[in-house]
Protein backbone atom coordinates (compact mmCIF):
# COMPACT_ATOMS: atom_id res chain seq x y z
CA UNK A 1 -14.22 4.33 38.73
CA UNK A 2 -16.71 6.66 36.97
CA UNK A 3 -19.56 6.42 39.46
CA UNK A 4 -20.87 9.66 40.92
CA UNK A 5 -19.22 11.89 38.33
CA UNK A 6 -21.08 14.61 36.43
CA UNK A 7 -21.74 14.20 32.70
CA UNK A 8 -18.87 16.51 31.83
CA UNK A 9 -16.39 14.74 34.10
CA UNK A 10 -17.48 11.34 32.83
CA UNK A 11 -16.92 12.37 29.24
CA UNK A 12 -13.56 13.90 30.14
CA UNK A 13 -12.61 10.64 31.87
CA UNK A 14 -13.63 8.64 28.79
CA UNK A 15 -11.71 11.09 26.60
CA UNK A 16 -8.66 10.69 28.86
CA UNK A 17 -8.78 6.89 28.60
CA UNK A 18 -9.41 7.12 24.86
CA UNK A 19 -6.47 9.51 24.52
CA UNK A 20 -4.08 7.11 26.25
CA UNK A 21 -5.34 4.03 24.44
CA UNK A 22 -5.73 6.08 21.28
CA UNK A 23 -2.14 7.22 21.62
CA UNK A 24 -1.10 3.60 21.99
CA UNK A 25 -3.17 2.46 19.03
CA UNK A 26 -2.35 5.57 17.03
CA UNK A 27 1.38 5.14 17.50
CA UNK A 28 1.07 1.46 16.66
CA UNK A 29 -0.84 2.17 13.46
CA UNK A 30 1.45 5.05 12.53
CA UNK A 31 4.50 2.89 13.14
CA UNK A 32 2.88 0.05 11.21
CA UNK A 33 2.53 2.46 8.31
CA UNK A 34 6.30 2.88 8.52
CA UNK A 35 6.70 -0.85 7.89
CA UNK A 36 4.44 -0.53 4.85
CA UNK A 37 6.91 1.45 2.71
CA UNK A 38 9.85 -0.50 4.14
CA UNK A 39 8.40 -3.84 3.07
CA UNK A 40 6.34 -2.71 0.06
CA UNK A 41 9.32 -1.07 -1.63
CA UNK A 42 11.76 -3.87 -0.78
CA UNK A 43 9.59 -6.83 -1.83
CA UNK A 44 7.54 -7.47 -4.94
CA UNK A 45 3.81 -6.71 -4.85
CA UNK A 46 3.05 -10.43 -4.63
CA UNK A 47 5.54 -11.03 -1.79
CA UNK A 48 4.14 -8.08 0.15
CA UNK A 49 0.69 -9.64 -0.19
CA UNK A 50 2.08 -12.93 1.18
CA UNK A 51 3.55 -11.17 4.23
CA UNK A 52 0.19 -9.57 4.95
CA UNK A 53 -1.62 -12.88 4.42
CA UNK A 54 0.66 -14.72 6.87
CA UNK A 55 0.29 -11.99 9.50
CA UNK A 56 -3.47 -12.40 9.16
CA UNK A 57 -3.02 -16.14 9.78
CA UNK A 58 -0.91 -15.38 12.88
CA UNK A 59 -3.68 -13.21 14.35
CA UNK A 60 -6.29 -15.88 13.61
CA UNK A 61 -4.16 -18.55 15.31
CA UNK A 62 -3.61 -16.39 18.41
CA UNK A 63 -7.32 -15.68 18.66
CA UNK A 64 -8.07 -19.39 18.49
CA UNK A 65 -5.54 -20.22 21.20
CA UNK A 66 -6.92 -17.59 23.61
CA UNK A 67 -10.51 -18.48 22.70
CA UNK A 68 -12.16 -15.69 24.68
CA UNK A 69 -10.59 -16.65 28.02
CA UNK A 70 -9.06 -13.17 28.36
CA UNK A 71 -12.44 -11.42 27.98
CA UNK A 72 -14.11 -13.91 30.34
CA UNK A 73 -11.40 -13.46 32.96
CA UNK A 74 -11.71 -9.69 32.72
CA UNK A 75 -15.49 -9.88 33.14
CA UNK A 76 -15.26 -12.10 36.26
CA UNK A 77 -12.28 -10.22 37.68
CA UNK A 78 -14.60 -7.58 39.14
CA UNK A 79 -17.01 -10.15 40.55
CA UNK A 80 -14.53 -10.84 43.35
CA UNK A 81 -13.23 -8.47 46.01
CA UNK A 82 -10.36 -10.50 47.49
CA UNK A 83 -6.97 -10.15 45.80
CA UNK A 84 -6.32 -13.90 45.93
CA UNK A 85 -9.64 -14.67 44.26
CA UNK A 86 -8.83 -12.23 41.46
CA UNK A 87 -5.45 -13.87 40.96
CA UNK A 88 -7.13 -17.27 40.67
CA UNK A 89 -9.40 -15.93 37.90
CA UNK A 90 -6.40 -14.61 35.97
CA UNK A 91 -4.19 -17.65 36.55
CA UNK A 92 -6.73 -20.34 35.79
CA UNK A 93 -7.64 -18.62 32.52
CA UNK A 94 -3.92 -18.64 31.69
CA UNK A 95 -3.81 -22.39 32.38
CA UNK A 96 -6.51 -22.84 29.75
CA UNK A 97 -4.43 -20.96 27.18
CA UNK A 98 -1.30 -23.01 27.95
CA UNK A 99 -3.34 -26.21 27.54
CA UNK A 100 -4.66 -25.04 24.17
CA UNK A 101 -1.11 -24.34 22.97
CA UNK A 102 0.19 -27.66 24.27
CA UNK A 103 -2.43 -29.54 22.26
CA UNK A 104 -2.70 -27.52 19.03
CA UNK A 105 0.79 -26.19 18.27
CA UNK A 106 2.46 -29.63 17.92
CA UNK A 107 -0.32 -30.68 15.55
CA UNK A 108 0.18 -27.53 13.49
CA UNK A 109 3.96 -28.07 13.44
CA UNK A 110 3.54 -31.59 12.07
CA UNK A 111 1.01 -30.43 9.47
CA UNK A 112 2.98 -27.35 8.37
CA UNK A 113 3.62 -28.66 4.84
CA UNK A 114 -0.04 -29.47 4.29
CA UNK A 115 -1.05 -26.00 5.59
CA UNK A 116 1.44 -24.38 3.19
CA UNK A 117 -0.11 -26.29 0.28
CA UNK A 118 -3.59 -25.27 1.41
CA UNK A 119 -2.59 -21.58 1.43
CA UNK A 120 -1.09 -21.90 -2.04
CA UNK A 121 2.56 -21.37 -0.99
CA UNK A 122 5.71 -23.06 -2.23
CA UNK A 123 6.03 -26.29 -0.19
CA UNK A 124 9.58 -25.82 1.15
CA UNK A 125 9.54 -22.11 1.93
CA UNK A 126 5.89 -22.23 2.95
CA UNK A 127 6.58 -24.94 5.55
CA UNK A 128 9.31 -22.79 7.11
CA UNK A 129 7.03 -19.72 7.18
CA UNK A 130 4.13 -21.64 8.73
CA UNK A 131 6.40 -22.98 11.47
CA UNK A 132 7.71 -19.50 12.20
CA UNK A 133 4.10 -18.38 12.64
CA UNK A 134 3.51 -21.28 15.05
CA UNK A 135 6.68 -20.43 16.99
CA UNK A 136 5.45 -16.85 17.50
CA UNK A 137 2.09 -17.96 18.83
CA UNK A 138 2.98 -18.46 22.53
CA UNK A 139 4.53 -14.99 22.74
CA UNK A 140 1.61 -13.43 20.86
CA UNK A 141 -0.74 -15.06 23.38
CA UNK A 142 1.30 -13.79 26.33
CA UNK A 143 1.29 -10.23 25.00
CA UNK A 144 -2.40 -10.21 24.12
CA UNK A 145 -3.42 -11.65 27.48
CA UNK A 146 -1.25 -9.24 29.48
CA UNK A 147 -2.51 -6.23 27.51
CA UNK A 148 -6.08 -7.22 28.33
CA UNK A 149 -5.28 -7.34 32.04
CA UNK A 150 -3.51 -3.99 31.92
CA UNK A 151 -6.48 -2.42 30.13
CA UNK A 152 -9.11 -3.73 32.54
CA UNK A 153 -7.10 -2.65 35.59
CA UNK A 154 -6.49 0.82 34.08
CA UNK A 155 -2.70 0.47 34.10
CA UNK A 156 -2.41 2.79 31.15
CA UNK A 157 1.31 3.45 30.90
CA UNK A 158 2.36 -0.19 31.14
CA UNK A 159 -0.22 -0.86 28.41
CA UNK A 160 1.38 1.88 26.32
CA UNK A 161 4.90 0.54 26.91
CA UNK A 162 4.09 -2.99 25.73
CA UNK A 163 1.81 -2.14 22.82
CA UNK A 164 3.99 0.62 21.36
CA UNK A 165 7.38 -0.72 22.43
CA UNK A 166 6.90 -4.00 20.61
CA UNK A 167 6.07 -2.18 17.38
CA UNK A 168 9.06 0.16 17.69
CA UNK A 169 11.43 -2.75 18.28
CA UNK A 170 9.99 -4.59 15.26
CA UNK A 171 10.54 -1.57 13.01
CA UNK A 172 14.12 -1.06 14.25
CA UNK A 173 14.91 -4.74 13.70
CA UNK A 174 13.37 -4.75 10.21
CA UNK A 175 15.27 -1.59 9.28
CA UNK A 176 18.53 -3.10 10.51
CA UNK A 177 17.91 -6.25 8.46
CA UNK A 178 17.08 -4.17 5.38
CA UNK A 179 20.24 -2.09 5.72
CA UNK A 180 22.29 -5.27 6.03
CA UNK A 181 20.81 -6.44 2.72
CA UNK A 182 19.87 -9.82 4.17
CA UNK A 183 16.10 -9.52 4.50
CA UNK A 184 14.00 -12.07 2.66
CA UNK A 185 10.53 -13.46 3.41
CA UNK A 186 11.85 -15.90 6.02
CA UNK A 187 13.93 -13.11 7.57
CA UNK A 188 10.84 -10.95 8.08
CA UNK A 189 9.19 -13.62 10.20
CA UNK A 190 12.40 -14.34 12.11
CA UNK A 191 12.40 -10.66 13.09
CA UNK A 192 8.76 -10.93 14.15
CA UNK A 193 9.57 -14.02 16.24
CA UNK A 194 12.46 -12.37 18.09
CA UNK A 195 10.65 -9.10 18.85
CA UNK A 196 7.41 -10.80 19.90
CA UNK A 197 9.33 -13.16 22.17
CA UNK A 198 11.06 -10.23 23.89
CA UNK A 199 7.84 -8.33 24.55
CA UNK A 200 5.79 -11.43 25.34
CA UNK A 201 8.11 -12.16 28.25
CA UNK A 202 8.13 -8.47 29.27
CA UNK A 203 4.33 -8.33 29.21
CA UNK A 204 3.93 -11.33 31.49
CA UNK A 205 6.57 -9.86 33.82
CA UNK A 206 4.54 -6.67 34.17
CA UNK A 207 1.41 -8.57 35.26
CA UNK A 208 3.25 -11.09 37.45
CA UNK A 209 1.63 -9.56 40.55
CA UNK A 210 -1.77 -10.68 39.17
CA UNK A 211 -0.69 -14.30 38.61
CA UNK A 212 -0.38 -17.06 41.19
CA UNK A 213 -0.17 -20.85 41.26
CA UNK A 214 -3.66 -22.17 40.39
CA UNK A 215 -5.50 -23.70 43.37
CA UNK A 216 -7.34 -26.23 41.26
CA UNK A 217 -9.57 -25.36 38.33
CA UNK A 218 -12.79 -24.49 40.14
CA UNK A 219 -12.85 -20.88 38.91
CA UNK A 220 -12.17 -22.03 35.36
CA UNK A 221 -15.48 -23.91 35.38
CA UNK A 222 -17.25 -20.56 35.84
CA UNK A 223 -15.10 -18.79 33.25
CA UNK A 224 -15.32 -21.28 30.38
CA UNK A 225 -19.09 -21.05 29.72
CA UNK A 226 -18.64 -17.30 29.40
CA UNK A 227 -15.42 -17.68 27.37
CA UNK A 228 -16.90 -19.99 24.73
CA UNK A 229 -19.23 -17.41 23.11
CA UNK A 230 -16.52 -14.76 23.43
CA UNK A 231 -14.00 -17.10 21.81
CA UNK A 232 -16.35 -17.97 18.98
CA UNK A 233 -17.08 -14.30 18.31
CA UNK A 234 -13.39 -13.36 18.34
CA UNK A 235 -12.60 -16.18 15.93
CA UNK A 236 -15.33 -15.04 13.55
CA UNK A 237 -13.97 -11.48 13.64
CA UNK A 238 -10.45 -12.77 12.91
CA UNK A 239 -11.76 -15.06 10.17
CA UNK A 240 -13.08 -12.19 8.06
CA UNK A 241 -9.68 -10.71 7.06
CA UNK A 242 -8.57 -14.27 6.33
CA UNK A 243 -11.63 -14.84 4.11
CA UNK A 244 -11.01 -11.53 2.31
CA UNK A 245 -7.40 -12.34 1.55
CA UNK A 246 -8.11 -15.96 0.65
CA UNK A 247 -10.82 -14.91 -1.81
CA UNK A 248 -8.56 -12.30 -3.40
CA UNK A 249 -5.62 -14.72 -3.57
CA UNK A 250 -7.49 -17.66 -5.09
CA UNK A 251 -9.85 -15.70 -7.35
CA UNK A 252 -7.67 -12.79 -8.46
CA UNK A 253 -4.09 -13.97 -7.91
CA UNK A 254 -1.04 -12.98 -5.82
CA UNK A 255 -0.64 -9.58 -7.50
CA UNK A 256 -4.18 -8.58 -6.53
CA UNK A 257 -3.47 -9.82 -3.01
CA UNK A 258 -0.57 -7.37 -2.82
CA UNK A 259 -2.76 -4.47 -3.99
CA UNK A 260 -5.44 -5.43 -1.47
CA UNK A 261 -2.84 -5.59 1.32
CA UNK A 262 -1.59 -2.11 0.41
CA UNK A 263 -5.11 -0.69 0.49
CA UNK A 264 -5.78 -2.20 3.91
CA UNK A 265 -2.71 -0.43 5.32
CA UNK A 266 -4.22 2.95 4.44
CA UNK A 267 -7.65 1.86 5.65
CA UNK A 268 -6.12 1.11 9.05
CA UNK A 269 -5.93 4.87 9.63
CA UNK A 270 -9.57 4.73 10.76
CA UNK A 271 -8.48 2.17 13.34
CA UNK A 272 -6.72 4.95 15.26
CA UNK A 273 -9.92 6.34 16.80
CA UNK A 274 -11.78 3.01 16.60
CA UNK A 275 -9.21 1.13 18.67
CA UNK A 276 -9.26 3.89 21.27
CA UNK A 277 -13.06 3.75 21.48
CA UNK A 278 -13.23 -0.05 21.68
CA UNK A 279 -10.46 -0.29 24.25
CA UNK A 280 -11.88 2.32 26.62
CA UNK A 281 -15.64 1.92 26.06
CA UNK A 282 -16.33 -1.38 27.80
CA UNK A 283 -14.60 -0.55 31.13
CA UNK A 284 -16.19 2.92 31.05
CA UNK A 285 -19.74 1.80 30.22
CA UNK A 286 -19.78 -1.22 32.57
CA UNK A 287 -18.57 0.82 35.56
CA UNK A 288 -21.17 3.52 34.80
CA UNK A 289 -24.29 1.52 33.95
CA UNK A 290 -25.92 1.70 37.40
CA UNK A 291 -25.93 5.52 37.41
CA UNK A 292 -29.42 7.00 36.84
CA UNK A 293 -28.35 9.17 33.89
CA UNK A 294 -26.03 6.62 32.27
CA UNK A 295 -28.16 6.42 29.11
CA UNK A 296 -27.79 10.15 28.52
CA UNK A 297 -24.03 9.71 28.57
CA UNK A 298 -24.27 6.70 26.27
CA UNK A 299 -26.28 8.69 23.70
CA UNK A 300 -23.81 11.57 23.73
CA UNK A 301 -20.95 9.12 23.14
CA UNK A 302 -22.81 7.40 20.28
CA UNK A 303 -23.46 10.70 18.50
CA UNK A 304 -19.85 11.83 18.89
CA UNK A 305 -18.51 8.49 17.66
CA UNK A 306 -20.73 8.49 14.56
CA UNK A 307 -19.88 12.06 13.57
CA UNK A 308 -16.13 11.65 14.09
CA UNK A 309 -15.88 8.27 12.35
CA UNK A 310 -18.12 8.94 9.35
CA UNK A 311 -16.30 12.22 8.69
CA UNK A 312 -12.97 10.42 9.12
CA UNK A 313 -13.95 7.66 6.68
CA UNK A 314 -14.76 10.20 3.96
CA UNK A 315 -11.63 12.26 4.63
CA UNK A 316 -9.33 9.21 4.46
CA UNK A 317 -11.06 8.01 1.29
CA UNK A 318 -10.33 11.32 -0.41
CA UNK A 319 -6.55 10.82 -0.16
CA UNK A 320 -6.42 7.00 -0.17
CA UNK A 321 -4.76 6.33 -3.53
CA UNK A 322 -2.41 9.29 -3.09
CA UNK A 323 -1.18 7.89 0.25
CA UNK A 324 -0.83 4.38 -1.21
CA UNK A 325 1.39 5.66 -4.00
CA UNK A 326 3.44 7.93 -1.74
CA UNK A 327 4.17 5.13 0.72
CA UNK A 328 4.29 2.09 -1.52
CA UNK A 329 5.33 3.56 -4.89
CA UNK A 330 3.47 3.76 -8.20
CA UNK A 331 3.44 -0.05 -8.38
CA UNK A 332 0.45 0.03 -6.00
CA UNK A 333 -1.57 2.62 -7.94
CA UNK A 334 -5.29 1.81 -7.80
CA UNK A 335 -5.12 0.00 -4.44
CA UNK A 336 -6.93 2.92 -2.79
CA UNK A 337 -10.22 1.72 -4.30
CA UNK A 338 -10.71 -0.64 -1.32
CA UNK A 339 -10.28 2.06 1.33
CA UNK A 340 -13.81 3.50 1.62
CA UNK A 341 -15.64 0.16 2.11
CA UNK A 342 -12.98 -1.17 4.48
CA UNK A 343 -12.94 2.04 6.53
CA UNK A 344 -16.73 2.11 6.68
CA UNK A 345 -16.79 -1.50 7.86
CA UNK A 346 -14.43 -0.62 10.73
CA UNK A 347 -16.47 2.48 11.60
CA UNK A 348 -19.64 0.37 11.81
CA UNK A 349 -17.78 -1.99 14.11
CA UNK A 350 -17.19 0.90 16.55
CA UNK A 351 -20.82 2.07 16.28
CA UNK A 352 -21.90 -1.49 17.07
CA UNK A 353 -19.54 -1.62 20.07
CA UNK A 354 -21.24 1.43 21.58
CA UNK A 355 -24.86 0.77 20.60
CA UNK A 356 -24.84 -2.94 21.52
CA UNK A 357 -23.44 -2.45 25.04
CA UNK A 358 -26.69 -3.89 26.42
CA UNK A 359 -25.53 -7.41 25.56
CA UNK A 360 -22.50 -7.07 27.85
CA UNK A 361 -24.50 -5.38 30.62
CA UNK A 362 -27.06 -8.18 30.52
CA UNK A 363 -24.22 -10.75 30.57
CA UNK A 364 -25.51 -12.19 27.30
CA UNK A 365 -22.32 -12.46 25.21
CA UNK A 366 -23.98 -15.10 23.04
CA UNK A 367 -25.98 -12.42 21.20
CA UNK A 368 -22.73 -11.34 19.57
CA UNK A 369 -22.38 -14.88 18.34
CA UNK A 370 -25.71 -14.64 16.52
CA UNK A 371 -24.88 -11.32 14.86
CA UNK A 372 -21.34 -12.37 13.99
CA UNK A 373 -22.61 -15.68 12.64
CA UNK A 374 -24.89 -13.74 10.32
CA UNK A 375 -21.98 -11.47 9.38
CA UNK A 376 -19.79 -14.49 8.61
CA UNK A 377 -22.45 -16.04 6.37
CA UNK A 378 -23.09 -12.79 4.48
CA UNK A 379 -19.35 -12.06 4.15
CA UNK A 380 -18.48 -15.61 3.07
CA UNK A 381 -21.01 -15.28 0.23
CA UNK A 382 -20.58 -11.60 -0.66
CA UNK A 383 -16.77 -11.37 -0.60
CA UNK A 384 -16.01 -14.05 -3.24
CA UNK A 385 -19.13 -13.13 -5.25
CA UNK A 386 -18.34 -9.40 -5.40
CA UNK A 387 -14.61 -10.09 -5.87
CA UNK A 388 -15.33 -12.22 -8.94
CA UNK A 389 -17.53 -9.43 -10.35
CA UNK A 390 -15.71 -6.24 -9.31
CA UNK A 391 -12.15 -7.26 -8.39
CA UNK A 392 -10.48 -6.13 -5.17
CA UNK A 393 -13.07 -3.38 -4.63
CA UNK A 394 -15.77 -6.05 -4.69
CA UNK A 395 -14.02 -8.01 -1.91
CA UNK A 396 -13.97 -4.87 0.24
CA UNK A 397 -17.67 -4.16 -0.39
CA UNK A 398 -18.46 -7.76 0.50
CA UNK A 399 -16.74 -7.18 3.84
CA UNK A 400 -18.80 -4.01 4.34
CA UNK A 401 -22.02 -5.93 3.63
CA UNK A 402 -21.11 -8.32 6.42
CA UNK A 403 -20.26 -5.49 8.85
CA UNK A 404 -23.58 -3.77 8.17
CA UNK A 405 -25.45 -7.03 8.80
CA UNK A 406 -23.69 -7.48 12.12
CA UNK A 407 -24.33 -3.91 13.28
CA UNK A 408 -28.07 -4.08 12.62
CA UNK A 409 -28.62 -7.52 14.17
CA UNK A 410 -26.41 -7.06 17.23
CA UNK A 411 -27.84 -3.64 18.09
CA UNK A 412 -31.38 -5.01 17.79
CA UNK A 413 -30.62 -8.06 19.96
CA UNK A 414 -28.85 -5.96 22.60
CA UNK A 415 -31.89 -3.70 22.77
CA UNK A 416 -34.10 -6.75 23.33
CA UNK A 417 -32.10 -8.04 26.32
CA UNK A 418 -31.27 -4.62 27.84
CA UNK A 419 -33.70 -1.93 26.59
CA UNK A 420 -32.30 1.60 26.41
CA UNK A 421 -33.61 4.96 25.28
CA UNK A 422 -31.32 5.26 22.27
CA UNK A 423 -31.94 8.09 19.80
CA UNK A 424 -31.02 6.40 16.53
CA UNK A 425 -32.78 8.72 14.05
CA UNK A 426 -29.93 11.18 13.49
CA UNK A 427 -27.34 8.38 13.56
CA UNK A 428 -29.21 6.54 10.79
CA UNK A 429 -29.44 9.66 8.59
CA UNK A 430 -25.74 10.41 9.06
CA UNK A 431 -24.79 6.83 8.20
CA UNK A 432 -27.02 6.84 5.13
CA UNK A 433 -25.39 10.08 4.00
CA UNK A 434 -21.87 8.63 4.39
CA UNK A 435 -22.87 5.49 2.45
CA UNK A 436 -24.36 7.60 -0.35
CA UNK A 437 -21.26 9.76 -0.69
CA UNK A 438 -19.06 6.67 -0.65
CA UNK A 439 -21.04 4.95 -3.41
CA UNK A 440 -20.90 8.05 -5.62
CA UNK A 441 -17.15 8.22 -4.96
CA UNK A 442 -16.67 4.59 -5.98
CA UNK A 443 -18.63 5.12 -9.19
CA UNK A 444 -16.51 8.16 -10.14
CA UNK A 445 -13.12 7.27 -8.64
CA UNK A 446 -10.26 8.88 -10.55
CA UNK A 447 -12.59 11.09 -12.61
CA UNK A 448 -13.41 13.81 -10.06
CA UNK A 449 -9.98 14.47 -8.59
CA UNK A 450 -7.42 17.25 -8.22
CA UNK A 451 -3.72 16.59 -7.55
CA UNK A 452 -4.57 13.02 -6.66
CA UNK A 453 -7.23 14.04 -4.10
CA UNK A 454 -10.74 12.67 -4.65
CA UNK A 455 -13.07 15.68 -4.41
CA UNK A 456 -16.39 13.92 -3.79
CA UNK A 457 -15.48 12.30 -0.44
CA UNK A 458 -13.57 15.45 0.54
CA UNK A 459 -16.68 17.58 0.02
CA UNK A 460 -18.75 14.94 1.77
CA UNK A 461 -16.49 15.12 4.84
CA UNK A 462 -16.88 18.90 4.98
CA UNK A 463 -20.69 18.86 4.57
CA UNK A 464 -21.27 16.17 7.19
CA UNK A 465 -20.67 18.67 10.00
CA UNK A 466 -23.58 21.03 9.16
CA UNK A 467 -25.73 17.97 8.45
CA UNK A 468 -24.92 16.59 11.92
CA UNK A 469 -25.85 19.95 13.45
CA UNK A 470 -29.30 19.65 11.90
CA UNK A 471 -30.13 15.96 12.30
CA UNK A 472 -27.85 14.53 15.00
CA UNK A 473 -28.14 17.09 17.78
CA UNK A 474 -31.37 18.01 19.54
CA UNK A 475 -32.34 21.60 20.40
CA UNK A 476 -30.93 21.37 23.93
CA UNK A 477 -27.57 20.08 22.71
CA UNK A 478 -27.33 22.80 20.06
CA UNK A 479 -28.12 25.46 22.68
CA UNK A 480 -25.51 24.07 25.05
CA UNK A 481 -22.82 24.02 22.34
CA UNK A 482 -23.64 27.61 21.34
CA UNK A 483 -23.44 28.77 24.95
CA UNK A 484 -20.08 27.00 25.38
CA UNK A 485 -18.76 28.66 22.20
CA UNK A 486 -20.06 32.02 23.39
CA UNK A 487 -18.39 31.61 26.78
CA UNK A 488 -15.12 30.61 25.13
CA UNK A 489 -15.33 33.65 22.83
CA UNK A 490 -15.95 35.97 25.78
CA UNK A 491 -12.98 34.53 27.65
CA UNK A 492 -10.71 35.04 24.64
CA UNK A 493 -11.88 38.67 24.28
CA UNK A 494 -11.23 39.37 27.96
CA UNK A 495 -7.70 37.98 27.58
CA UNK A 496 -7.06 40.23 24.57
CA UNK A 497 -8.41 43.30 26.36
């Protein structure tokens, strides 16, 4: 799709894809922030933490049921040219997911009471909530799988309809239940079940032209070896939020879990650009990698991603506690302390996605398994250790320690299997600067502020732009930007005259 385009047109194409997927993700996150005040103000702090914890469990379950078959199917989809062969790839991967659900969901249903005890919930209500999570799972799987197909086939507006429409319907249903005065914890998950069922069916309907009756399972034998490392990596990624919340819940209690959940809702603001980058980067980079100047494009993207995200992390951190209190009420004051480390962890995830593209190009998905395994080990040790020492902020910094470990190892391994001429010097300096500002902010939080705005990360966000000009861009890039600004200035003057 991007072959043969000039650098400028490639970057515009990537920006276009990122804008569509970013709009989808952005609207989803913005709408999710609407549910934050709805639920946070209606429920107690502890109950809000439980809702967030259970949603984390639902995502982990869905990831386990899909087990990387969506990513594997997408990767092999372009290996075939015949429409029927492509349909077999999609359909046989779907058979695998149905088989996983048929085996695991009945077991989970029978063990719902034991799972509720394990999570520390009341036995009766917890059993009901766990079963509602299990009932959602098939529809969650359908939606996730269909969205992956829509993304990899560049069907942008159907992708937007499903991803945003489901969130809008959920908010409308929650609001209606709140206004009726009949919304309790069980009611929240009944609403989730109904809305996810509606859009799960709609999502599969939209991709029905890509599904056919499986002609055996021959294609699945090629997909599964590729799916297994993808599935393991996706499970590890989904495990980390579960580990965070479990550590906070068991070490610090349900009230702390509610504060942590509130802080994560503000931290998700950085997910707006990150989700856009991650969704559009793989199709863009894979379709481009055979072009002779692909690495030049990759470096430009990496620099832009680092500058935008590190500046965004600092800017969000400066207003974190203010936003938490405005949306969730004064009951959640202090929850903003987790925002910088959580935002930085997500930003590093996006940097890793771009810089470690060599692993995907070399068809070596297992290298992600090594880096994520290291991240899981570091996080599993650091999160409870730091949480016991520094409270909810410590849990967030433990998560950041794991993300940093993953970024370093995965980028290094990707470079080993698919060497590229990356220019990491400026990126490293910019990242070090953002870390330094963030650590100073954490040490002085609440003491260097004005009208609820933290001044240290705000100043850091402003100063990162001139720093990037000096250390991130080379002389040629600075000259090109200046000439573009000069041309734009001349055009504006001619319009005025």
